[in-house]
Each structure stands twice: as structure tokens, then as C-alpha cells.
Protein backbone atom coordinates (compact mmCIF):
# COMPACT_ATOMS: atom_id res chain seq x y z
CA MET A 1 -125.30 44.51 105.04
CA LYS A 2 -125.76 41.00 103.63
CA LEU A 3 -127.66 37.97 104.85
CA ILE A 4 -126.68 34.41 103.95
CA ASP A 5 -129.62 32.30 102.77
CA ALA A 6 -130.08 28.53 103.13
CA TYR A 7 -128.03 27.96 99.97
CA GLY A 8 -125.04 29.94 101.24
CA GLU A 9 -125.71 32.86 98.90
CA ALA A 10 -125.57 36.44 100.12
CA ASP A 11 -128.76 38.49 100.03
CA ARG A 12 -128.26 42.23 100.36
CA LEU A 13 -130.28 44.00 103.05
CA LEU A 14 -131.69 47.39 102.06
CA SER A 15 -132.84 50.23 104.28
CA THR A 16 -136.27 51.78 103.79
CA LYS A 17 -134.64 54.70 101.97
CA GLN A 18 -132.66 52.40 99.64
CA THR A 19 -135.74 50.27 98.93
CA ALA A 20 -137.86 53.33 98.22
CA GLU A 21 -135.23 54.73 95.83
CA TYR A 22 -134.98 51.35 94.07
CA LEU A 23 -138.77 51.25 93.61
CA GLY A 24 -139.13 54.95 92.82
CA LEU A 25 -141.31 55.56 95.88
CA ASP A 26 -141.29 57.89 98.84
CA PRO A 27 -139.93 56.19 101.99
CA LYS A 28 -143.16 57.26 103.73
CA SER A 29 -145.11 55.02 101.33
CA LEU A 30 -143.21 51.98 102.59
CA ALA A 31 -143.63 53.08 106.21
CA ASN A 32 -147.39 53.53 105.68
CA SER A 33 -147.62 50.12 104.02
CA ARG A 34 -145.87 48.49 106.97
CA TYR A 35 -148.17 50.25 109.43
CA THR A 36 -151.48 49.63 107.63
CA GLY A 37 -150.70 46.30 105.97
CA THR A 38 -151.95 47.65 102.64
CA GLY A 39 -150.27 48.94 99.50
CA VAL A 40 -146.73 47.75 98.83
CA LYS A 41 -146.56 44.38 100.57
CA ILE A 42 -142.91 43.40 100.76
CA PRO A 43 -141.73 41.27 103.70
CA TYR A 44 -139.29 43.13 105.94
CA MET A 45 -137.18 42.53 109.04
CA LYS A 46 -136.96 44.56 112.20
CA LEU A 47 -133.62 44.58 113.95
CA GLY A 48 -134.48 46.58 117.04
CA LYS A 49 -135.88 49.79 115.57
CA VAL A 50 -134.09 49.30 112.24
CA VAL A 51 -136.14 48.06 109.26
CA ARG A 52 -134.46 46.11 106.46
CA TYR A 53 -135.74 44.58 103.22
CA LYS A 54 -134.06 41.66 101.48
CA GLN A 55 -133.06 42.55 97.92
CA SER A 56 -134.46 39.20 96.76
CA GLU A 57 -137.89 39.99 98.29
CA VAL A 58 -137.97 43.39 96.60
CA ASP A 59 -137.07 41.79 93.26
CA LYS A 60 -139.71 39.08 93.82
CA TYR A 61 -142.33 41.78 94.50
CA LEU A 62 -141.42 43.50 91.23
CA GLU A 63 -141.66 40.22 89.28
CA GLU A 64 -145.05 39.39 90.82
CA ASN A 65 -146.37 42.85 90.00
CA THR A 66 -145.20 43.08 86.40
CA PHE A 67 -148.00 42.93 83.84
CA ASN A 68 -148.30 43.26 80.06
CA HIS A 69 -151.59 45.16 80.01
CA THR A 70 -154.12 46.68 82.42
CA GLY A 71 -156.60 43.83 82.00
CA GLU A 72 -154.09 41.32 83.30
CA THR A 73 -154.46 40.39 86.97
CA LYS A 74 -152.55 38.32 89.46
CA CYS A 75 -153.31 34.62 89.37
CA VAL A 76 -154.85 33.57 92.65
CA ALA A 77 -154.81 29.88 93.52
CA ARG A 78 -158.27 28.70 94.42
CA ASP A 79 -159.06 25.45 96.13
CA GLY A 80 -162.42 24.86 94.48
CA GLY A 81 -161.90 21.13 94.56
CA ASP A 82 -162.67 19.32 91.31
CA SER A 83 -162.35 16.01 93.13
């Protein structure tokens, strides 16, 4: 299944099983993350009882969680206000 984005490009929709295989995880890990809101935080869609993940969101998650060493952390924008 594909979804057309605002730019007219197709974005493939993946099932929980397909997403888990792509990430090398157990499908239950994704289900637990959806239920608890912790762990693998990838936006998903619910179409009735069917859950789908956009391929682009899965790829974005991988990019945002790719590091060069263990001391590297995610950059978090802080509004400390130097004004």
C-alpha cells in the first residue's frame, strides 16, 4: 500500500511485521512501544484495527538514531533564551 504525500510522491505503508523485519526487531517490541509510548517511537497510522508505518518515518527514525560512538547523544533544542 502506498500513500501520496504533499509533493505527490508515493510513501510505502508497512505493516508491523514488515517494519519489525526491516528494523531487525520482534513485532511485539513495536506493539509494546505503541502501547506504552516508550522505546521505539515511530509515528504510525491506525486504519480501523490495522496499524501501518510510513517507510519515510521508519527511515527518519533510523537516521535520527544513528551515532558514531556511545558518547554521542541526540541534540535537543533548548529554549534557554540568550536574548
